[in-house]
Structure formats: structure tokens, C-alpha cells
PDB file of N, CA and C in Angstrom:
ATOM      1  N   UNK A   1     -78.107-115.568  -2.003  1.00  0.00           N
ATOM      2  CA  UNK A   1     -78.664-116.426  -3.037  1.00  0.00           C
ATOM      3  C   UNK A   1     -79.990-115.856  -3.532  1.00  0.00           C
ATOM      4  N   UNK A   2     -80.239-115.982  -4.809  1.00  0.00           N
ATOM      5  CA  UNK A   2     -81.482-115.504  -5.421  1.00  0.00           C
ATOM      6  C   UNK A   2     -82.640-116.368  -4.927  1.00  0.00           C
ATOM      7  N   UNK A   3     -83.779-115.693  -4.724  1.00  0.00           N
ATOM      8  CA  UNK A   3     -84.976-116.428  -4.287  1.00  0.00           C
ATOM      9  C   UNK A   3     -85.301-117.561  -5.249  1.00  0.00           C
ATOM     10  N   UNK A   4     -85.936-118.582  -4.719  1.00  0.00           N
ATOM     11  CA  UNK A   4     -86.409-119.689  -5.548  1.00  0.00           C
ATOM     12  C   UNK A   4     -87.311-119.107  -6.632  1.00  0.00           C
ATOM     13  N   UNK A   5     -87.037-119.395  -7.886  1.00  0.00           N
ATOM     14  CA  UNK A   5     -87.731-118.773  -9.015  1.00  0.00           C
ATOM     15  C   UNK A   5     -89.254-118.891  -8.947  1.00  0.00           C
ATOM     16  N   UNK A   6     -89.848-120.059  -8.729  1.00  0.00           N
ATOM     17  CA  UNK A   6     -91.318-120.124  -8.664  1.00  0.00           C
ATOM     18  C   UNK A   6     -91.893-119.243  -7.547  1.00  0.00           C
ATOM     19  N   UNK A   7     -91.247-119.195  -6.408  1.00  0.00           N
ATOM     20  CA  UNK A   7     -91.726-118.345  -5.310  1.00  0.00           C
ATOM     21  C   UNK A   7     -91.635-116.877  -5.692  1.00  0.00           C
ATOM     22  N   UNK A   8     -90.550-116.497  -6.353  1.00  0.00           N
ATOM     23  CA  UNK A   8     -90.367-115.113  -6.776  1.00  0.00           C
ATOM     24  C   UNK A   8     -91.475-114.695  -7.742  1.00  0.00           C
ATOM     25  N   UNK A   9     -91.691-115.508  -8.786  1.00  0.00           N
ATOM     26  CA  UNK A   9     -92.736-115.177  -9.765  1.00  0.00           C
ATOM     27  C   UNK A   9     -94.116-115.138  -9.114  1.00  0.00           C
ATOM     28  N   UNK A  10     -94.349-116.042  -8.213  1.00  0.00           N
ATOM     29  CA  UNK A  10     -95.631-116.081  -7.519  1.00  0.00           C
ATOM     30  C   UNK A  10     -95.844-114.811  -6.694  1.00  0.00           C
ATOM     31  N   UNK A  11     -94.790-114.362  -6.022  1.00  0.00           N
ATOM     32  CA  UNK A  11     -94.889-113.150  -5.199  1.00  0.00           C
ATOM     33  C   UNK A  11     -95.134-111.919  -6.075  1.00  0.00           C
ATOM     34  N   UNK A  12     -94.407-111.822  -7.185  1.00  0.00           N
ATOM     35  CA  UNK A  12     -94.583-110.698  -8.103  1.00  0.00           C
ATOM     36  C   UNK A  12     -95.986-110.713  -8.694  1.00  0.00           C
ATOM     37  N   UNK A  13     -96.435-111.874  -9.154  1.00  0.00           N
ATOM     38  CA  UNK A  13     -97.766-111.998  -9.745  1.00  0.00           C
ATOM     39  C   UNK A  13     -98.851-111.632  -8.733  1.00  0.00           C
ATOM     40  N   UNK A  14     -98.695-112.091  -7.522  1.00  0.00           N
ATOM     41  CA  UNK A  14     -99.673-111.786  -6.468  1.00  0.00           C
ATOM     42  C   UNK A  14     -99.742-110.282  -6.201  1.00  0.00           C
ATOM     43  N   UNK A  15     -98.584-109.616  -6.159  1.00  0.00           N
ATOM     44  CA  UNK A  15     -98.569-108.172  -5.902  1.00  0.00           C
ATOM     45  C   UNK A  15     -99.148-107.392  -7.077  1.00  0.00           C
ATOM     46  N   UNK A  16     -98.835-107.803  -8.306  1.00  0.00           N
ATOM     47  CA  UNK A  16     -99.405-107.129  -9.471  1.00  0.00           C
ATOM     48  C   UNK A  16    -100.936-107.239  -9.475  1.00  0.00           C
ATOM     49  N   UNK A  17    -101.440-108.419  -9.154  1.00  0.00           N
ATOM     50  CA  UNK A  17    -102.897-108.609  -9.108  1.00  0.00           C
ATOM     51  C   UNK A  17    -103.530-107.751  -8.020  1.00  0.00           C
ATOM     52  N   UNK A  18    -102.887-107.662  -6.859  1.00  0.00           N
ATOM     53  CA  UNK A  18    -103.407-106.825  -5.784  1.00  0.00           C
ATOM     54  C   UNK A  18    -103.372-105.356  -6.192  1.00  0.00           C
ATOM     55  N   UNK A  19    -102.259-104.907  -6.759  1.00  0.00           N
ATOM     56  CA  UNK A  19    -102.161-103.517  -7.213  1.00  0.00           C
ATOM     57  C   UNK A  19    -103.250-103.189  -8.230  1.00  0.00           C
ATOM     58  N   UNK A  20    -103.472-104.080  -9.197  1.00  0.00           N
ATOM     59  CA  UNK A  20    -104.499-103.838 -10.222  1.00  0.00           C
ATOM     60  C   UNK A  20    -105.881-103.750  -9.593  1.00  0.00           C
ATOM     61  N   UNK A  21    -106.159-104.661  -8.679  1.00  0.00           N
ATOM     62  CA  UNK A  21    -107.470-104.669  -8.015  1.00  0.00           C
ATOM     63  C   UNK A  21    -107.702-103.355  -7.257  1.00  0.00           C
ATOM     64  N   UNK A  22    -106.698-102.876  -6.549  1.00  0.00           N
ATOM     65  CA  UNK A  22    -106.816-101.625  -5.785  1.00  0.00           C
ATOM     66  C   UNK A  22    -107.009-100.445  -6.724  1.00  0.00           C
ATOM     67  N   UNK A  23    -106.213-100.365  -7.790  1.00  0.00           N
ATOM     68  CA  UNK A  23    -106.352 -99.259  -8.742  1.00  0.00           C
ATOM     69  C   UNK A  23    -107.722 -99.285  -9.417  1.00  0.00           C
ATOM     70  N   UNK A  24    -108.219-100.460  -9.737  1.00  0.00           N
ATOM     71  CA  UNK A  24    -109.528-100.584 -10.377  1.00  0.00           C
ATOM     72  C   UNK A  24    -110.642-100.091  -9.445  1.00  0.00           C
ATOM     73  N   UNK A  25    -110.550-100.431  -8.172  1.00  0.00           N
ATOM     74  CA  UNK A  25    -111.560-100.014  -7.196  1.00  0.00           C
ATOM     75  C   UNK A  25    -111.626 -98.490  -7.096  1.00  0.00           C
ATOM     76  N   UNK A  26    -110.463 -97.842  -7.086  1.00  0.00           N
ATOM     77  CA  UNK A  26    -110.426 -96.398  -6.870  1.00  0.00           C
ATOM     78  C   UNK A  26    -110.524 -95.579  -8.149  1.00  0.00           C
ATOM     79  N   UNK A  27    -110.457 -96.200  -9.303  1.00  0.00           N
ATOM     80  CA  UNK A  27    -110.518 -95.443 -10.549  1.00  0.00           C
ATOM     81  C   UNK A  27    -111.681 -95.897 -11.418  1.00  0.00           C
ATOM     82  N   UNK A  28    -112.863 -95.567 -11.006  1.00  0.00           N
ATOM     83  CA  UNK A  28    -114.067 -95.939 -11.761  1.00  0.00           C
ATOM     84  C   UNK A  28    -114.364 -94.957 -12.894  1.00  0.00           C
ATOM     85  N   UNK A  29    -113.916 -93.707 -12.760  1.00  0.00           N
ATOM     86  CA  UNK A  29    -114.262 -92.668 -13.730  1.00  0.00           C
ATOM     87  C   UNK A  29    -113.223 -92.490 -14.839  1.00  0.00           C
ATOM     88  N   UNK A  30    -112.053 -93.115 -14.739  1.00  0.00           N
ATOM     89  CA  UNK A  30    -111.032 -92.946 -15.766  1.00  0.00           C
ATOM     90  C   UNK A  30    -109.885 -92.067 -15.323  1.00  0.00           C
ATOM     91  N   UNK A  31    -110.152 -91.129 -14.419  1.00  0.00           N
ATOM     92  CA  UNK A  31    -109.099 -90.293 -13.849  1.00  0.00           C
ATOM     93  C   UNK A  31    -109.568 -89.795 -12.486  1.00  0.00           C
ATOM     94  N   UNK A  32    -108.701 -89.958 -11.490  1.00  0.00           N
ATOM     95  CA  UNK A  32    -109.040 -89.553 -10.131  1.00  0.00           C
ATOM     96  C   UNK A  32    -107.742 -89.340  -9.358  1.00  0.00           C
ATOM     97  N   UNK A  33    -107.812 -88.553  -8.290  1.00  0.00           N
ATOM     98  CA  UNK A  33    -106.659 -88.338  -7.417  1.00  0.00           C
ATOM     99  C   UNK A  33    -106.980 -88.909  -6.046  1.00  0.00           C
ATOM    100  N   UNK A  34    -106.036 -89.693  -5.502  1.00  0.00           N
ATOM    101  CA  UNK A  34    -106.225 -90.372  -4.220  1.00  0.00           C
ATOM    102  C   UNK A  34    -104.966 -90.167  -3.377  1.00  0.00           C
ATOM    103  N   UNK A  35    -105.135 -89.967  -2.078  1.00  0.00           N
ATOM    104  CA  UNK A  35    -103.967 -89.865  -1.196  1.00  0.00           C
ATOM    105  C   UNK A  35    -103.194 -91.179  -1.210  1.00  0.00           C
ATOM    106  N   UNK A  36    -101.886 -91.076  -1.211  1.00  0.00           N
ATOM    107  CA  UNK A  36    -101.053 -92.281  -1.295  1.00  0.00           C
ATOM    108  C   UNK A  36    -101.317 -93.231  -0.142  1.00  0.00           C
ATOM    109  N   UNK A  37    -101.519 -92.692   1.060  1.00  0.00           N
ATOM    110  CA  UNK A  37    -101.692 -93.573   2.220  1.00  0.00           C
ATOM    111  C   UNK A  37    -102.933 -94.447   2.104  1.00  0.00           C
ATOM    112  N   UNK A  38    -103.960 -93.995   1.384  1.00  0.00           N
ATOM    113  CA  UNK A  38    -105.179 -94.792   1.201  1.00  0.00           C
ATOM    114  C   UNK A  38    -104.843 -96.082   0.461  1.00  0.00           C
ATOM    115  N   UNK A  39    -104.067 -95.961  -0.620  1.00  0.00           N
ATOM    116  CA  UNK A  39    -103.703 -97.142  -1.403  1.00  0.00           C
ATOM    117  C   UNK A  39    -102.674 -98.002  -0.670  1.00  0.00           C
ATOM    118  N   UNK A  40    -101.686 -97.358  -0.068  1.00  0.00           N
ATOM    119  CA  UNK A  40    -100.636 -98.106   0.629  1.00  0.00           C
ATOM    120  C   UNK A  40    -101.202 -98.909   1.791  1.00  0.00           C
ATOM    121  N   UNK A  41    -102.187 -98.344   2.498  1.00  0.00           N
ATOM    122  CA  UNK A  41    -102.801 -99.049   3.626  1.00  0.00           C
ATOM    123  C   UNK A  41    -103.521-100.326   3.190  1.00  0.00           C
ATOM    124  N   UNK A  42    -103.905-100.387   1.911  1.00  0.00           N
ATOM    125  CA  UNK A  42    -104.582-101.579   1.380  1.00  0.00           C
ATOM    126  C   UNK A  42    -103.594-102.614   0.839  1.00  0.00           C
ATOM    127  N   UNK A  43    -102.306-102.289   0.877  1.00  0.00           N
ATOM    128  CA  UNK A  43    -101.299-103.227   0.396  1.00  0.00           C
ATOM    129  C   UNK A  43    -100.724-102.881  -0.968  1.00  0.00           C
ATOM    130  N   UNK A  44    -101.116-101.741  -1.526  1.00  0.00           N
ATOM    131  CA  UNK A  44    -100.577-101.300  -2.811  1.00  0.00           C
ATOM    132  C   UNK A  44     -99.073-101.087  -2.684  1.00  0.00           C
ATOM    133  N   UNK A  45     -98.313-101.591  -3.650  1.00  0.00           N
ATOM    134  CA  UNK A  45     -96.864-101.406  -3.668  1.00  0.00           C
ATOM    135  C   UNK A  45     -96.479-100.801  -5.018  1.00  0.00           C
ATOM    136  N   UNK A  46     -96.096 -99.514  -5.043  1.00  0.00           N
ATOM    137  CA  UNK A  46     -95.794 -98.833  -6.305  1.00  0.00           C
ATOM    138  C   UNK A  46     -94.543 -99.351  -7.016  1.00  0.00           C
ATOM    139  N   UNK A  47     -93.798-100.224  -6.380  1.00  0.00           N
ATOM    140  CA  UNK A  47     -92.610-100.787  -7.013  1.00  0.00           C
ATOM    141  C   UNK A  47     -92.944-101.919  -7.978  1.00  0.00           C
ATOM    142  N   UNK A  48     -94.204-102.335  -7.998  1.00  0.00           N
ATOM    143  CA  UNK A  48     -94.634-103.420  -8.880  1.00  0.00           C
ATOM    144  C   UNK A  48     -95.578-102.844  -9.928  1.00  0.00           C
ATOM    145  N   UNK A  49     -95.118-102.808 -11.174  1.00  0.00           N
ATOM    146  CA  UNK A  49     -95.907-102.284 -12.287  1.00  0.00           C
ATOM    147  C   UNK A  49     -95.487-103.010 -13.550  1.00  0.00           C
ATOM    148  N   UNK A  50     -96.304-102.902 -14.599  1.00  0.00           N
ATOM    149  CA  UNK A  50     -96.031-103.649 -15.823  1.00  0.00           C
ATOM    150  C   UNK A  50     -95.356-102.817 -16.913  1.00  0.00           C
ATOM    151  N   UNK A  51     -95.643-101.524 -16.963  1.00  0.00           N
ATOM    152  CA  UNK A  51     -95.057-100.660 -17.984  1.00  0.00           C
ATOM    153  C   UNK A  51     -95.273 -99.208 -17.582  1.00  0.00           C
ATOM    154  N   UNK A  52     -94.777 -98.294 -18.405  1.00  0.00           N
ATOM    155  CA  UNK A  52     -94.952 -96.881 -18.105  1.00  0.00           C
ATOM    156  C   UNK A  52     -95.300 -96.117 -19.370  1.00  0.00           C
ATOM    157  N   UNK A  53     -95.780 -94.893 -19.170  1.00  0.00           N
ATOM    158  CA  UNK A  53     -96.110 -93.992 -20.269  1.00  0.00           C
ATOM    159  C   UNK A  53     -95.731 -92.585 -19.859  1.00  0.00           C
ATOM    160  N   UNK A  54     -95.091 -91.851 -20.763  1.00  0.00           N
ATOM    161  CA  UNK A  54     -94.699 -90.465 -20.500  1.00  0.00           C
ATOM    162  C   UNK A  54     -95.553 -89.542 -21.363  1.00  0.00           C
ATOM    163  N   UNK A  55     -96.185 -88.560 -20.725  1.00  0.00           N
ATOM    164  CA  UNK A  55     -97.031 -87.630 -21.478  1.00  0.00           C
ATOM    165  C   UNK A  55     -96.205 -86.483 -22.055  1.00  0.00           C
ATOM    166  N   UNK A  56     -96.868 -85.528 -22.693  1.00  0.00           N
ATOM    167  CA  UNK A  56     -96.188 -84.397 -23.338  1.00  0.00           C
ATOM    168  C   UNK A  56     -95.496 -83.476 -22.347  1.00  0.00           C
ATOM    169  N   UNK A  57     -95.889 -83.537 -21.083  1.00  0.00           N
ATOM    170  CA  UNK A  57     -95.275 -82.711 -20.037  1.00  0.00           C
ATOM    171  C   UNK A  57     -94.111 -83.452 -19.367  1.00  0.00           C
ATOM    172  N   UNK A  58     -93.713 -84.583 -19.928  1.00  0.00           N
ATOM    173  CA  UNK A  58     -92.661 -85.449 -19.381  1.00  0.00           C
ATOM    174  C   UNK A  58     -93.014 -86.018 -18.010  1.00  0.00           C
ATOM    175  N   UNK A  59     -94.308 -86.124 -17.718  1.00  0.00           N
ATOM    176  CA  UNK A  59     -94.748 -86.790 -16.495  1.00  0.00           C
ATOM    177  C   UNK A  59     -94.856 -88.279 -16.808  1.00  0.00           C
ATOM    178  N   UNK A  60     -94.363 -89.097 -15.894  1.00  0.00           N
ATOM    179  CA  UNK A  60     -94.340 -90.543 -16.121  1.00  0.00           C
ATOM    180  C   UNK A  60     -95.419 -91.216 -15.280  1.00  0.00           C
ATOM    181  N   UNK A  61     -96.294 -91.927 -15.958  1.00  0.00           N
ATOM    182  CA  UNK A  61     -97.319 -92.732 -15.302  1.00  0.00           C
ATOM    183  C   UNK A  61     -96.853 -94.183 -15.324  1.00  0.00           C
ATOM    184  N   UNK A  62     -96.892 -94.838 -14.194  1.00  0.00           N
ATOM    185  CA  UNK A  62     -96.589 -96.256 -14.107  1.00  0.00           C
ATOM    186  C   UNK A  62     -97.906 -97.010 -14.209  1.00  0.00           C
ATOM    187  N   UNK A  63     -97.911 -98.104 -14.942  1.00  0.00           N
ATOM    188  CA  UNK A  63     -99.146 -98.850 -15.174  1.00  0.00           C
ATOM    189  C   UNK A  63     -99.071-100.254 -14.616  1.00  0.00           C
ATOM    190  N   UNK A  64    -100.208-100.714 -14.120  1.00  0.00           N
ATOM    191  CA  UNK A  64    -100.423-102.112 -13.780  1.00  0.00           C
ATOM    192  C   UNK A  64    -101.503-102.563 -14.757  1.00  0.00           C
ATOM    193  N   UNK A  65    -101.042-103.124 -15.857  1.00  0.00           N
ATOM    194  CA  UNK A  65    -101.907-103.471 -16.981  1.00  0.00           C
ATOM    195  C   UNK A  65    -102.612-102.210 -17.472  1.00  0.00           C
ATOM    196  N   UNK A  66    -103.924-102.095 -17.381  1.00  0.00           N
ATOM    197  CA  UNK A  66    -104.605-100.928 -17.949  1.00  0.00           C
ATOM    198  C   UNK A  66    -104.812 -99.779 -16.964  1.00  0.00           C
ATOM    199  N   UNK A  67    -104.377 -99.935 -15.741  1.00  0.00           N
ATOM    200  CA  UNK A  67    -104.560 -98.890 -14.723  1.00  0.00           C
ATOM    201  C   UNK A  67    -103.226 -98.248 -14.368  1.00  0.00           C
ATOM    202  N   UNK A  68    -103.172 -96.911 -14.527  1.00  0.00           N
ATOM    203  CA  UNK A  68    -101.929 -96.189 -14.288  1.00  0.00           C
ATOM    204  C   UNK A  68    -101.997 -95.302 -13.068  1.00  0.00           C
ATOM    205  N   UNK A  69    -100.808 -94.935 -12.576  1.00  0.00           N
ATOM    206  CA  UNK A  69    -100.708 -94.041 -11.427  1.00  0.00           C
ATOM    207  C   UNK A  69     -99.446 -93.196 -11.537  1.00  0.00           C
ATOM    208  N   UNK A  70     -99.532 -91.985 -11.022  1.00  0.00           N
ATOM    209  CA  UNK A  70     -98.394 -91.081 -10.985  1.00  0.00           C
ATOM    210  C   UNK A  70     -98.415 -90.375  -9.636  1.00  0.00           C
ATOM    211  N   UNK A  71     -97.291 -90.372  -8.970  1.00  0.00           N
ATOM    212  CA  UNK A  71     -97.195 -89.726  -7.661  1.00  0.00           C
ATOM    213  C   UNK A  71     -97.010 -88.230  -7.850  1.00  0.00           C
ATOM    214  N   UNK A  72     -97.740 -87.445  -7.051  1.00  0.00           N
ATOM    215  CA  UNK A  72     -97.550 -86.000  -7.065  1.00  0.00           C
ATOM    216  C   UNK A  72     -97.850 -85.453  -5.684  1.00  0.00           C
ATOM    217  N   UNK A  73     -97.379 -84.262  -5.427  1.00  0.00           N
ATOM    218  CA  UNK A  73     -97.588 -83.624  -4.132  1.00  0.00           C
ATOM    219  C   UNK A  73     -98.461 -82.392  -4.336  1.00  0.00           C
ATOM    220  N   UNK A  74     -99.561 -82.308  -3.597  1.00  0.00           N
ATOM    221  CA  UNK A  74    -100.462 -81.153  -3.653  1.00  0.00           C
ATOM    222  C   UNK A  74    -100.634 -80.626  -2.234  1.00  0.00           C
ATOM    223  N   UNK A  75    -100.312 -79.378  -2.016  1.00  0.00           N
ATOM    224  CA  UNK A  75    -100.438 -78.750  -0.698  1.00  0.00           C
ATOM    225  C   UNK A  75     -99.709 -79.558   0.374  1.00  0.00           C
ATOM    226  N   UNK A  76     -98.552 -80.093   0.017  1.00  0.00           N
ATOM    227  CA  UNK A  76     -97.750 -80.853   0.962  1.00  0.00           C
ATOM    228  C   UNK A  76     -98.234 -82.269   1.219  1.00  0.00           C
ATOM    229  N   UNK A  77     -99.277 -82.693   0.519  1.00  0.00           N
ATOM    230  CA  UNK A  77     -99.839 -84.034   0.707  1.00  0.00           C
ATOM    231  C   UNK A  77     -99.507 -84.893  -0.504  1.00  0.00           C
ATOM    232  N   UNK A  78     -98.918 -86.074  -0.247  1.00  0.00           N
ATOM    233  CA  UNK A  78     -98.587 -86.975  -1.343  1.00  0.00           C
ATOM    234  C   UNK A  78     -99.832 -87.698  -1.830  1.00  0.00           C
ATOM    235  N   UNK A  79     -99.997 -87.677  -3.153  1.00  0.00           N
ATOM    236  CA  UNK A  79    -101.172 -88.289  -3.774  1.00  0.00           C
ATOM    237  C   UNK A  79    -100.754 -89.057  -5.010  1.00  0.00           C
ATOM    238  N   UNK A  80    -101.666 -89.910  -5.473  1.00  0.00           N
ATOM    239  CA  UNK A  80    -101.512 -90.579  -6.762  1.00  0.00           C
ATOM    240  C   UNK A  80    -102.607 -90.082  -7.678  1.00  0.00           C
ATOM    241  N   UNK A  81    -102.226 -89.729  -8.895  1.00  0.00           N
ATOM    242  CA  UNK A  81    -103.193 -89.453  -9.947  1.00  0.00           C
ATOM    243  C   UNK A  81    -103.387 -90.783 -10.654  1.00  0.00           C
ATOM    244  N   UNK A  82    -104.622 -91.272 -10.681  1.00  0.00           N
ATOM    245  CA  UNK A  82    -104.939 -92.557 -11.295  1.00  0.00           C
ATOM    246  C   UNK A  82    -105.585 -92.325 -12.654  1.00  0.00           C
ATOM    247  N   UNK A  83    -105.161 -93.092 -13.642  1.00  0.00           N
ATOM    248  CA  UNK A  83    -105.722 -92.991 -14.992  1.00  0.00           C
ATOM    249  C   UNK A  83    -105.952 -94.392 -15.541  1.00  0.00           C
ATOM    250  N   UNK A  84    -106.751 -94.456 -16.601  1.00  0.00           N
ATOM    251  CA  UNK A  84    -106.929 -95.706 -17.346  1.00  0.00           C
ATOM    252  C   UNK A  84    -106.215 -95.563 -18.680  1.00  0.00           C
ATOM    253  N   UNK A  85    -105.671 -96.671 -19.165  1.00  0.00           N
ATOM    254  CA  UNK A  85    -104.975 -96.692 -20.446  1.00  0.00           C
ATOM    255  C   UNK A  85    -105.915 -96.253 -21.561  1.00  0.00           C
ATOM    256  N   UNK A  86    -105.432 -95.411 -22.459  1.00  0.00           N
ATOM    257  CA  UNK A  86    -106.199 -94.920 -23.597  1.00  0.00           C
ATOM    258  C   UNK A  86    -105.445 -95.238 -24.882  1.00  0.00           C
ATOM    259  N   UNK A  87    -106.151 -95.387 -25.980  1.00  0.00           N
ATOM    260  CA  UNK A  87    -105.534 -95.724 -27.260  1.00  0.00           C
ATOM    261  C   UNK A  87    -104.455 -94.722 -27.685  1.00  0.00           C
ATOM    262  N   UNK A  88    -104.655 -93.426 -27.366  1.00  0.00           N
ATOM    263  CA  UNK A  88    -103.683 -92.435 -27.805  1.00  0.00           C
ATOM    264  C   UNK A  88    -102.325 -92.596 -27.112  1.00  0.00           C
ATOM    265  N   UNK A  89    -102.268 -93.396 -26.072  1.00  0.00           N
ATOM    266  CA  UNK A  89    -101.015 -93.610 -25.336  1.00  0.00           C
ATOM    267  C   UNK A  89    -100.070 -94.562 -26.062  1.00  0.00           C
ATOM    268  N   UNK A  90    -100.595 -95.264 -27.062  1.00  0.00           N
ATOM    269  CA  UNK A  90     -99.741 -96.170 -27.829  1.00  0.00           C
ATOM    270  C   UNK A  90     -98.704 -95.380 -28.614  1.00  0.00           C
ATOM    271  N   UNK A  91     -97.477 -95.832 -28.568  1.00  0.00           N
ATOM    272  CA  UNK A  91     -96.419 -95.157 -29.328  1.00  0.00           C
ATOM    273  C   UNK A  91     -96.531 -95.583 -30.793  1.00  0.00           C
ATOM    274  N   UNK A  92     -96.367 -94.610 -31.652  1.00  0.00           N
ATOM    275  CA  UNK A  92     -96.450 -94.908 -33.086  1.00  0.00           C
ATOM    276  C   UNK A  92     -95.189 -94.493 -33.777  1.00  0.00           C
TER     277      UNK A  92
END
């Protein structure tokens, strides 16, 4: 049976707010790289996002409102590249 609708929405909303808060804390400069375990240990869940954006290199950034993240591996270490939404990201 599907979860009770109000509980489901509440859980999703709570996770989105937590994800946004974590991304905001770690992305003060507009773009930064952080190890995935740092965010995950704080309760970040990459399965909860509001939208996505694909750049010219076909890299996909997932966004939680105005804060985006993209998973990448550098020297065998999994990291997230964090960005802030920019006007040029709007599709025209």
C-alpha cells in the first residue's frame, strides 16, 4: 500500500529542506568540491532534488532549489561539485 499522502509529502519536504540547508552551508562561494561522505554523514540524501540542469559537456547537476550538486570521482574519491543556480542556466 502507498504511504499515507500527508506523511509522504511531509517526509519529502523535510528531506528537501535538510538537503538545501546542507548544500547552503558548504557552498558559500558559489562553487566548491566536497567529499560525498561529508554531506551524507549530515543526512544529505541525493535522491531528493527539485530539478536538474545539463551543461555543455552533458554533465547533469541536480538541484535543491538554488543549490546544485553533481557527483564525480577524483583520484578514486567520490565527491560532489556544488554550484549555485545562475541566470544563464535558464533554458530559452
